[in-house]
Amino acid sequence: MQSISTIGLNIAKSVFQVHGVDAAGQVVIRRQLKRRFVLSFLEKLPPCLVGIEACASSHHWSRELQALGHTVRLMPPAL
């Protein structure tokens, strides 16, 4: 498997979407994960940039992912 450099994480109530690309921008992974499996999945990956849409729970997920060594960027929601 190619190395994932950037992940887009769409957080929801119970099912999260993970979209990972390599340094060249090629899609490496697209996956749906239940909430309880998100941290165990991301802790197996090498540290990378994770983008999350800013919302009430995104700050919690940001702290959890930073504790795993990832760099997290919160993005304002698009209007």
PDB file of N, CA and C in Angstrom:
ATOM      1  N   MET A   1       0.844  -1.174   0.000  1.00  0.00           N
ATOM      2  CA  MET A   1       0.000   0.000   0.000  1.00  0.00           C
ATOM      3  C   MET A   1       0.892   1.241   0.000  1.00  0.00           C
ATOM      4  N   GLN A   2       0.464   2.256  -0.737  1.00  0.00           N
ATOM      5  CA  GLN A   2       1.209   3.503  -0.803  1.00  0.00           C
ATOM      6  C   GLN A   2       1.070   4.254   0.516  1.00  0.00           C
ATOM      7  N   SER A   3       1.978   5.160   0.758  1.00  0.00           N
ATOM      8  CA  SER A   3       1.974   5.923   1.984  1.00  0.00           C
ATOM      9  C   SER A   3       0.918   7.027   1.922  1.00  0.00           C
ATOM     10  N   ILE A   4       0.100   7.125   2.940  1.00  0.00           N
ATOM     11  CA  ILE A   4      -0.936   8.146   3.012  1.00  0.00           C
ATOM     12  C   ILE A   4      -0.312   9.408   3.599  1.00  0.00           C
ATOM     13  N   SER A   5      -0.462  10.531   2.884  1.00  0.00           N
ATOM     14  CA  SER A   5       0.098  11.786   3.387  1.00  0.00           C
ATOM     15  C   SER A   5      -0.979  12.714   3.942  1.00  0.00           C
ATOM     16  N   THR A   6      -2.195  12.631   3.407  1.00  0.00           N
ATOM     17  CA  THR A   6      -3.283  13.502   3.839  1.00  0.00           C
ATOM     18  C   THR A   6      -4.577  12.709   3.936  1.00  0.00           C
ATOM     19  N   ILE A   7      -5.340  12.990   4.990  1.00  0.00           N
ATOM     20  CA  ILE A   7      -6.625  12.327   5.198  1.00  0.00           C
ATOM     21  C   ILE A   7      -7.694  13.386   5.370  1.00  0.00           C
ATOM     22  N   GLY A   8      -8.808  13.182   4.706  1.00  0.00           N
ATOM     23  CA  GLY A   8     -10.002  13.981   4.937  1.00  0.00           C
ATOM     24  C   GLY A   8     -10.939  13.135   5.768  1.00  0.00           C
ATOM     25  N   LEU A   9     -11.382  13.672   6.890  1.00  0.00           N
ATOM     26  CA  LEU A   9     -12.243  12.913   7.801  1.00  0.00           C
ATOM     27  C   LEU A   9     -13.569  13.632   7.934  1.00  0.00           C
ATOM     28  N   ASN A  10     -14.631  12.993   7.487  1.00  0.00           N
ATOM     29  CA  ASN A  10     -15.973  13.539   7.603  1.00  0.00           C
ATOM     30  C   ASN A  10     -16.624  12.883   8.818  1.00  0.00           C
ATOM     31  N   ILE A  11     -16.802  13.656   9.875  1.00  0.00           N
ATOM     32  CA  ILE A  11     -17.340  13.096  11.107  1.00  0.00           C
ATOM     33  C   ILE A  11     -18.854  13.261  11.125  1.00  0.00           C
ATOM     34  N   ALA A  12     -19.520  12.241  11.607  1.00  0.00           N
ATOM     35  CA  ALA A  12     -20.978  12.231  11.678  1.00  0.00           C
ATOM     36  C   ALA A  12     -21.381  11.569  12.988  1.00  0.00           C
ATOM     37  N   LYS A  13     -22.649  11.257  13.107  1.00  0.00           N
ATOM     38  CA  LYS A  13     -23.123  10.677  14.365  1.00  0.00           C
ATOM     39  C   LYS A  13     -22.569   9.276  14.599  1.00  0.00           C
ATOM     40  N   SER A  14     -22.699   8.396  13.615  1.00  0.00           N
ATOM     41  CA  SER A  14     -22.267   7.023  13.869  1.00  0.00           C
ATOM     42  C   SER A  14     -21.297   6.475  12.826  1.00  0.00           C
ATOM     43  N   VAL A  15     -21.337   6.958  11.594  1.00  0.00           N
ATOM     44  CA  VAL A  15     -20.459   6.456  10.539  1.00  0.00           C
ATOM     45  C   VAL A  15     -19.608   7.609  10.009  1.00  0.00           C
ATOM     46  N   PHE A  16     -18.283   7.442  10.048  1.00  0.00           N
ATOM     47  CA  PHE A  16     -17.355   8.456   9.569  1.00  0.00           C
ATOM     48  C   PHE A  16     -16.823   8.033   8.206  1.00  0.00           C
ATOM     49  N   GLN A  17     -16.545   9.000   7.335  1.00  0.00           N
ATOM     50  CA  GLN A  17     -15.948   8.741   6.038  1.00  0.00           C
ATOM     51  C   GLN A  17     -14.470   9.120   6.105  1.00  0.00           C
ATOM     52  N   VAL A  18     -13.606   8.245   5.638  1.00  0.00           N
ATOM     53  CA  VAL A  18     -12.168   8.500   5.586  1.00  0.00           C
ATOM     54  C   VAL A  18     -11.740   8.490   4.125  1.00  0.00           C
ATOM     55  N   HIS A  19     -11.039   9.558   3.722  1.00  0.00           N
ATOM     56  CA  HIS A  19     -10.540   9.683   2.352  1.00  0.00           C
ATOM     57  C   HIS A  19      -9.056  10.009   2.453  1.00  0.00           C
ATOM     58  N   GLY A  20      -8.203   9.089   2.039  1.00  0.00           N
ATOM     59  CA  GLY A  20      -6.761   9.286   2.152  1.00  0.00           C
ATOM     60  C   GLY A  20      -6.093   9.356   0.799  1.00  0.00           C
ATOM     61  N   VAL A  21      -5.141  10.306   0.649  1.00  0.00           N
ATOM     62  CA  VAL A  21      -4.379  10.443  -0.594  1.00  0.00           C
ATOM     63  C   VAL A  21      -2.890  10.407  -0.282  1.00  0.00           C
ATOM     64  N   ASP A  22      -2.108  10.040  -1.289  1.00  0.00           N
ATOM     65  CA  ASP A  22      -0.651  10.044  -1.127  1.00  0.00           C
ATOM     66  C   ASP A  22      -0.092  11.409  -1.506  1.00  0.00           C
ATOM     67  N   ALA A  23       1.219  11.554  -1.516  1.00  0.00           N
ATOM     68  CA  ALA A  23       1.863  12.838  -1.797  1.00  0.00           C
ATOM     69  C   ALA A  23       1.577  13.331  -3.212  1.00  0.00           C
ATOM     70  N   ALA A  24       1.297  12.426  -4.141  1.00  0.00           N
ATOM     71  CA  ALA A  24       1.004  12.810  -5.525  1.00  0.00           C
ATOM     72  C   ALA A  24      -0.465  13.150  -5.732  1.00  0.00           C
ATOM     73  N   GLY A  25      -1.285  12.982  -4.703  1.00  0.00           N
ATOM     74  CA  GLY A  25      -2.709  13.286  -4.807  1.00  0.00           C
ATOM     75  C   GLY A  25      -3.562  12.127  -5.275  1.00  0.00           C
ATOM     76  N   GLN A  26      -2.972  10.956  -5.383  1.00  0.00           N
ATOM     77  CA  GLN A  26      -3.718   9.771  -5.798  1.00  0.00           C
ATOM     78  C   GLN A  26      -4.466   9.188  -4.610  1.00  0.00           C
ATOM     79  N   VAL A  27      -5.705   8.790  -4.841  1.00  0.00           N
ATOM     80  CA  VAL A  27      -6.519   8.214  -3.775  1.00  0.00           C
ATOM     81  C   VAL A  27      -5.937   6.867  -3.360  1.00  0.00           C
ATOM     82  N   VAL A  28      -5.678   6.731  -2.075  1.00  0.00           N
ATOM     83  CA  VAL A  28      -5.123   5.489  -1.544  1.00  0.00           C
ATOM     84  C   VAL A  28      -6.202   4.714  -0.791  1.00  0.00           C
ATOM     85  N   ILE A  29      -7.066   5.440  -0.109  1.00  0.00           N
ATOM     86  CA  ILE A  29      -8.088   4.759   0.678  1.00  0.00           C
ATOM     87  C   ILE A  29      -9.356   5.586   0.741  1.00  0.00           C
ATOM     88  N   ARG A  30     -10.469   4.913   0.624  1.00  0.00           N
ATOM     89  CA  ARG A  30     -11.798   5.467   0.878  1.00  0.00           C
ATOM     90  C   ARG A  30     -12.522   4.426   1.704  1.00  0.00           C
ATOM     91  N   ARG A  31     -12.980   4.846   2.847  1.00  0.00           N
ATOM     92  CA  ARG A  31     -13.578   3.855   3.743  1.00  0.00           C
ATOM     93  C   ARG A  31     -14.594   4.504   4.656  1.00  0.00           C
ATOM     94  N   GLN A  32     -15.624   3.753   4.993  1.00  0.00           N
ATOM     95  CA  GLN A  32     -16.570   4.148   6.029  1.00  0.00           C
ATOM     96  C   GLN A  32     -16.169   3.421   7.303  1.00  0.00           C
ATOM     97  N   LEU A  33     -16.139   4.167   8.401  1.00  0.00           N
ATOM     98  CA  LEU A  33     -15.791   3.562   9.682  1.00  0.00           C
ATOM     99  C   LEU A  33     -16.840   3.925  10.712  1.00  0.00           C
ATOM    100  N   LYS A  34     -17.219   2.962  11.503  1.00  0.00           N
ATOM    101  CA  LYS A  34     -18.082   3.274  12.636  1.00  0.00           C
ATOM    102  C   LYS A  34     -17.255   4.035  13.661  1.00  0.00           C
ATOM    103  N   ARG A  35     -17.926   4.860  14.434  1.00  0.00           N
ATOM    104  CA  ARG A  35     -17.268   5.739  15.407  1.00  0.00           C
ATOM    105  C   ARG A  35     -16.283   4.983  16.289  1.00  0.00           C
ATOM    106  N   ARG A  36     -16.633   3.802  16.730  1.00  0.00           N
ATOM    107  CA  ARG A  36     -15.773   3.078  17.678  1.00  0.00           C
ATOM    108  C   ARG A  36     -14.489   2.542  17.043  1.00  0.00           C
ATOM    109  N   PHE A  37     -14.413   2.522  15.708  1.00  0.00           N
ATOM    110  CA  PHE A  37     -13.231   1.997  15.034  1.00  0.00           C
ATOM    111  C   PHE A  37     -12.295   3.077  14.496  1.00  0.00           C
ATOM    112  N   VAL A  38     -12.672   4.340  14.597  1.00  0.00           N
ATOM    113  CA  VAL A  38     -11.894   5.422  13.992  1.00  0.00           C
ATOM    114  C   VAL A  38     -10.497   5.522  14.603  1.00  0.00           C
ATOM    115  N   LEU A  39     -10.406   5.588  15.916  1.00  0.00           N
ATOM    116  CA  LEU A  39      -9.101   5.742  16.556  1.00  0.00           C
ATOM    117  C   LEU A  39      -8.202   4.536  16.327  1.00  0.00           C
ATOM    118  N   SER A  40      -8.754   3.338  16.396  1.00  0.00           N
ATOM    119  CA  SER A  40      -7.921   2.144  16.180  1.00  0.00           C
ATOM    120  C   SER A  40      -7.410   2.088  14.739  1.00  0.00           C
ATOM    121  N   PHE A  41      -8.208   2.572  13.785  1.00  0.00           N
ATOM    122  CA  PHE A  41      -7.762   2.613  12.391  1.00  0.00           C
ATOM    123  C   PHE A  41      -6.648   3.641  12.209  1.00  0.00           C
ATOM    124  N   LEU A  42      -6.848   4.850  12.737  1.00  0.00           N
ATOM    125  CA  LEU A  42      -5.882   5.931  12.528  1.00  0.00           C
ATOM    126  C   LEU A  42      -4.600   5.760  13.343  1.00  0.00           C
ATOM    127  N   GLU A  43      -4.640   5.003  14.430  1.00  0.00           N
ATOM    128  CA  GLU A  43      -3.411   4.806  15.193  1.00  0.00           C
ATOM    129  C   GLU A  43      -2.460   3.860  14.474  1.00  0.00           C
ATOM    130  N   LYS A  44      -2.952   3.081  13.522  1.00  0.00           N
ATOM    131  CA  LYS A  44      -2.105   2.167  12.748  1.00  0.00           C
ATOM    132  C   LYS A  44      -1.382   2.885  11.607  1.00  0.00           C
ATOM    133  N   LEU A  45      -1.820   4.101  11.281  1.00  0.00           N
ATOM    134  CA  LEU A  45      -1.214   4.854  10.186  1.00  0.00           C
ATOM    135  C   LEU A  45      -0.048   5.695  10.680  1.00  0.00           C
ATOM    136  N   PRO A  46       0.938   5.932   9.820  1.00  0.00           N
ATOM    137  CA  PRO A  46       2.013   6.856  10.206  1.00  0.00           C
ATOM    138  C   PRO A  46       1.434   8.264  10.316  1.00  0.00           C
ATOM    139  N   PRO A  47       2.082   9.138  11.089  1.00  0.00           N
ATOM    140  CA  PRO A  47       1.562  10.502  11.253  1.00  0.00           C
ATOM    141  C   PRO A  47       1.376  11.200   9.902  1.00  0.00           C
ATOM    142  N   CYS A  48       0.230  11.838   9.742  1.00  0.00           N
ATOM    143  CA  CYS A  48      -0.081  12.548   8.507  1.00  0.00           C
ATOM    144  C   CYS A  48      -0.981  13.736   8.824  1.00  0.00           C
ATOM    145  N   LEU A  49      -1.311  14.503   7.803  1.00  0.00           N
ATOM    146  CA  LEU A  49      -2.190  15.653   7.941  1.00  0.00           C
ATOM    147  C   LEU A  49      -3.631  15.173   7.849  1.00  0.00           C
ATOM    148  N   VAL A  50      -4.467  15.589   8.811  1.00  0.00           N
ATOM    149  CA  VAL A  50      -5.878  15.197   8.825  1.00  0.00           C
ATOM    150  C   VAL A  50      -6.718  16.471   8.782  1.00  0.00           C
ATOM    151  N   GLY A  51      -7.602  16.572   7.798  1.00  0.00           N
ATOM    152  CA  GLY A  51      -8.498  17.710   7.676  1.00  0.00           C
ATOM    153  C   GLY A  51      -9.892  17.328   8.137  1.00  0.00           C
ATOM    154  N   ILE A  52     -10.471  18.169   9.009  1.00  0.00           N
ATOM    155  CA  ILE A  52     -11.805  17.918   9.547  1.00  0.00           C
ATOM    156  C   ILE A  52     -12.603  19.215   9.458  1.00  0.00           C
ATOM    157  N   GLU A  53     -13.874  19.118   9.074  1.00  0.00           N
ATOM    158  CA  GLU A  53     -14.748  20.282   9.087  1.00  0.00           C
ATOM    159  C   GLU A  53     -15.033  20.675  10.533  1.00  0.00           C
ATOM    160  N   ALA A  54     -14.876  21.955  10.839  1.00  0.00           N
ATOM    161  CA  ALA A  54     -15.065  22.436  12.210  1.00  0.00           C
ATOM    162  C   ALA A  54     -16.533  22.332  12.610  1.00  0.00           C
ATOM    163  N   CYS A  55     -16.760  21.717  13.758  1.00  0.00           N
ATOM    164  CA  CYS A  55     -18.087  21.620  14.352  1.00  0.00           C
ATOM    165  C   CYS A  55     -17.888  21.369  15.838  1.00  0.00           C
ATOM    166  N   ALA A  56     -18.950  21.137  16.550  1.00  0.00           N
ATOM    167  CA  ALA A  56     -18.846  20.981  18.002  1.00  0.00           C
ATOM    168  C   ALA A  56     -17.942  19.813  18.405  1.00  0.00           C
ATOM    169  N   SER A  57     -18.054  18.683  17.745  1.00  0.00           N
ATOM    170  CA  SER A  57     -17.265  17.516  18.155  1.00  0.00           C
ATOM    171  C   SER A  57     -15.889  17.455  17.481  1.00  0.00           C
ATOM    172  N   SER A  58     -15.627  18.323  16.515  1.00  0.00           N
ATOM    173  CA  SER A  58     -14.340  18.259  15.814  1.00  0.00           C
ATOM    174  C   SER A  58     -13.169  18.589  16.732  1.00  0.00           C
ATOM    175  N   HIS A  59     -13.387  19.410  17.749  1.00  0.00           N
ATOM    176  CA  HIS A  59     -12.310  19.746  18.675  1.00  0.00           C
ATOM    177  C   HIS A  59     -11.911  18.521  19.505  1.00  0.00           C
ATOM    178  N   HIS A  60     -12.893  17.719  19.880  1.00  0.00           N
ATOM    179  CA  HIS A  60     -12.592  16.467  20.598  1.00  0.00           C
ATOM    180  C   HIS A  60     -11.760  15.538  19.715  1.00  0.00           C
ATOM    181  N   TRP A  61     -12.200  15.351  18.471  1.00  0.00           N
ATOM    182  CA  TRP A  61     -11.485  14.461  17.572  1.00  0.00           C
ATOM    183  C   TRP A  61     -10.103  15.003  17.248  1.00  0.00           C
ATOM    184  N   SER A  62      -9.977  16.301  17.169  1.00  0.00           N
ATOM    185  CA  SER A  62      -8.678  16.914  16.923  1.00  0.00           C
ATOM    186  C   SER A  62      -7.692  16.571  18.038  1.00  0.00           C
ATOM    187  N   ARG A  63      -8.117  16.699  19.273  1.00  0.00           N
ATOM    188  CA  ARG A  63      -7.241  16.359  20.405  1.00  0.00           C
ATOM    189  C   ARG A  63      -6.869  14.884  20.396  1.00  0.00           C
ATOM    190  N   GLU A  64      -7.825  14.021  20.104  1.00  0.00           N
ATOM    191  CA  GLU A  64      -7.553  12.574  20.072  1.00  0.00           C
ATOM    192  C   GLU A  64      -6.542  12.225  18.982  1.00  0.00           C
ATOM    193  N   LEU A  65      -6.699  12.824  17.800  1.00  0.00           N
ATOM    194  CA  LEU A  65      -5.798  12.517  16.683  1.00  0.00           C
ATOM    195  C   LEU A  65      -4.413  13.114  16.898  1.00  0.00           C
ATOM    196  N   GLN A  66      -4.346  14.289  17.511  1.00  0.00           N
ATOM    197  CA  GLN A  66      -3.040  14.870  17.816  1.00  0.00           C
ATOM    198  C   GLN A  66      -2.295  14.026  18.837  1.00  0.00           C
ATOM    199  N   ALA A  67      -3.006  13.402  19.756  1.00  0.00           N
ATOM    200  CA  ALA A  67      -2.379  12.510  20.727  1.00  0.00           C
ATOM    201  C   ALA A  67      -1.766  11.288  20.032  1.00  0.00           C
ATOM    202  N   LEU A  68      -2.293  10.928  18.860  1.00  0.00           N
ATOM    203  CA  LEU A  68      -1.744   9.807  18.091  1.00  0.00           C
ATOM    204  C   LEU A  68      -0.567  10.243  17.210  1.00  0.00           C
ATOM    205  N   GLY A  69      -0.279  11.556  17.160  1.00  0.00           N
ATOM    206  CA  GLY A  69       0.847  12.049  16.382  1.00  0.00           C
ATOM    207  C   GLY A  69       0.476  12.693  15.062  1.00  0.00           C
ATOM    208  N   HIS A  70      -0.800  12.742  14.735  1.00  0.00           N
ATOM    209  CA  HIS A  70      -1.234  13.352  13.486  1.00  0.00           C
ATOM    210  C   HIS A  70      -1.287  14.873  13.624  1.00  0.00           C
ATOM    211  N   THR A  71      -1.175  15.561  12.495  1.00  0.00           N
ATOM    212  CA  THR A  71      -1.370  17.014  12.443  1.00  0.00           C
ATOM    213  C   THR A  71      -2.790  17.234  11.968  1.00  0.00           C
ATOM    214  N   VAL A  72      -3.563  18.023  12.729  1.00  0.00           N
ATOM    215  CA  VAL A  72      -4.981  18.197  12.419  1.00  0.00           C
ATOM    216  C   VAL A  72      -5.234  19.648  12.026  1.00  0.00           C
ATOM    217  N   ARG A  73      -5.992  19.832  10.954  1.00  0.00           N
ATOM    218  CA  ARG A  73      -6.430  21.161  10.506  1.00  0.00           C
ATOM    219  C   ARG A  73      -7.954  21.173  10.497  1.00  0.00           C
ATOM    220  N   LEU A  74      -8.526  22.117  11.226  1.00  0.00           N
ATOM    221  CA  LEU A  74      -9.978  22.292  11.213  1.00  0.00           C
ATOM    222  C   LEU A  74     -10.331  23.337  10.164  1.00  0.00           C
ATOM    223  N   MET A  75     -11.321  23.014   9.332  1.00  0.00           N
ATOM    224  CA  MET A  75     -11.725  23.906   8.256  1.00  0.00           C
ATOM    225  C   MET A  75     -13.132  24.422   8.519  1.00  0.00           C
ATOM    226  N   PRO A  76     -13.374  25.710   8.260  1.00  0.00           N
ATOM    227  CA  PRO A  76     -14.734  26.220   8.452  1.00  0.00           C
ATOM    228  C   PRO A  76     -15.689  25.567   7.455  1.00  0.00           C
ATOM    229  N   PRO A  77     -16.931  25.347   7.872  1.00  0.00           N
ATOM    230  CA  PRO A  77     -17.888  24.733   6.945  1.00  0.00           C
ATOM    231  C   PRO A  77     -18.158  25.654   5.758  1.00  0.00           C
ATOM    232  N   ALA A  78     -18.343  25.074   4.606  1.00  0.00           N
ATOM    233  CA  ALA A  78     -18.656  25.843   3.397  1.00  0.00           C
ATOM    234  C   ALA A  78     -20.120  26.254   3.431  1.00  0.00           C
ATOM    235  N   LEU A  79     -20.376  27.465   3.002  1.00  0.00           N
ATOM    236  CA  LEU A  79     -21.759  27.952   2.986  1.00  0.00           C
ATOM    237  C   LEU A  79     -22.459  27.572   1.714  1.00  0.00           C
TER     238      LEU A  79
END
